[in-house]
Amino acid sequence: MSDDNIIYKWDSNSTTATKFLELDKFATDLDWLHMAKGIYDLFAIGFVDGSFKLITKLSKIDKVVSEAHQGAVSSS
């Protein structure tokens, strides 16, 4: 994830990268929620505008929360 708003998926065996998802705004945080909901893995992506998205490992948007925070979503 970088300033070009593209997330790449890396293959650790071949060290090649493929485009996973192109975002519509600047992301500030990405967290992997392993086996969320007991069905599939999710990625939580936070944005500069305080919103976040939950995205499946197949790059399908599962949920969008537009007004989650007043300011950028970040973690430490």
Protein backbone atom coordinates (compact mmCIF):
# COMPACT_ATOMS: atom_id res chain seq x y z
CA MET A 1 0.00 0.00 0.00
CA SER A 2 1.46 3.36 -0.99
CA ASP A 3 0.68 6.87 -2.20
CA ASP A 4 -0.39 5.59 -5.62
CA ASN A 5 -3.51 4.09 -3.94
CA ILE A 6 -2.70 0.59 -5.18
CA ILE A 7 -2.32 -2.47 -2.98
CA TYR A 8 -0.14 -5.25 -4.36
CA LYS A 9 -0.17 -8.89 -3.35
CA TRP A 10 3.30 -10.46 -3.09
CA ASP A 11 4.11 -14.09 -3.76
CA SER A 12 6.87 -15.02 -1.30
CA ASN A 13 7.97 -18.00 -3.41
CA SER A 14 8.54 -16.16 -6.66
CA THR A 15 8.88 -12.60 -5.25
CA THR A 16 6.44 -11.33 -7.88
CA ALA A 17 3.72 -8.79 -7.18
CA THR A 18 0.24 -8.60 -8.65
CA LYS A 19 -2.26 -5.81 -8.26
CA PHE A 20 -4.73 -6.68 -5.49
CA LEU A 21 -6.89 -3.56 -5.31
CA GLU A 22 -6.91 0.07 -6.41
CA LEU A 23 -8.30 2.45 -3.78
CA ASP A 24 -10.37 5.57 -4.43
CA LYS A 25 -8.64 7.65 -1.70
CA PHE A 26 -5.51 7.72 0.45
CA ALA A 27 -5.21 4.89 2.97
CA THR A 28 -3.44 5.36 6.29
CA ASP A 29 -3.72 1.88 7.81
CA LEU A 30 -4.16 -1.73 6.73
CA ASP A 31 -4.76 -4.65 9.07
CA TRP A 32 -5.38 -8.31 8.28
CA LEU A 33 -8.22 -9.93 10.23
CA HIS A 34 -7.40 -13.62 9.91
CA MET A 35 -10.48 -15.85 9.62
CA ALA A 36 -12.87 -13.03 10.45
CA LYS A 37 -16.48 -14.17 10.75
CA GLY A 38 -15.21 -17.76 10.58
CA ILE A 39 -15.79 -17.72 6.82
CA TYR A 40 -12.92 -15.87 5.19
CA ASP A 41 -10.07 -13.50 5.88
CA LEU A 42 -10.70 -9.75 5.82
CA PHE A 43 -8.51 -6.71 5.42
CA ALA A 44 -9.48 -3.55 7.30
CA ILE A 45 -8.27 -0.44 5.50
CA GLY A 46 -8.48 2.96 7.20
CA PHE A 47 -8.42 6.25 5.28
CA VAL A 48 -7.38 9.87 5.83
CA ASP A 49 -11.00 11.03 5.90
CA GLY A 50 -11.88 8.83 8.92
CA SER A 51 -13.63 6.09 6.96
CA PHE A 52 -12.72 2.43 6.69
CA LYS A 53 -13.47 -0.54 4.45
CA LEU A 54 -13.50 -4.27 5.09
CA ILE A 55 -12.25 -6.16 2.05
CA THR A 56 -12.09 -9.92 1.44
CA LYS A 57 -8.91 -11.67 0.37
CA LEU A 58 -10.50 -11.93 -3.09
CA SER A 59 -10.58 -8.07 -3.17
CA LYS A 60 -14.38 -7.81 -2.77
CA ILE A 61 -15.56 -4.90 -0.63
CA ASP A 62 -17.51 -6.43 2.26
CA LYS A 63 -18.42 -3.27 4.21
CA VAL A 64 -17.85 0.49 4.03
CA VAL A 65 -18.16 2.78 7.06
CA SER A 66 -18.02 6.38 5.85
CA GLU A 67 -18.08 8.31 9.12
CA ALA A 68 -16.17 6.11 11.54
CA HIS A 69 -13.84 8.81 12.91
CA GLN A 70 -13.21 12.55 12.83
CA GLY A 71 -9.74 12.46 11.29
CA ALA A 72 -7.44 9.86 9.81
CA VAL A 73 -7.66 6.23 10.86
CA SER A 74 -4.29 5.01 12.11
CA SER A 75 -2.74 2.42 14.40
CA SER A 76 0.54 1.90 16.16
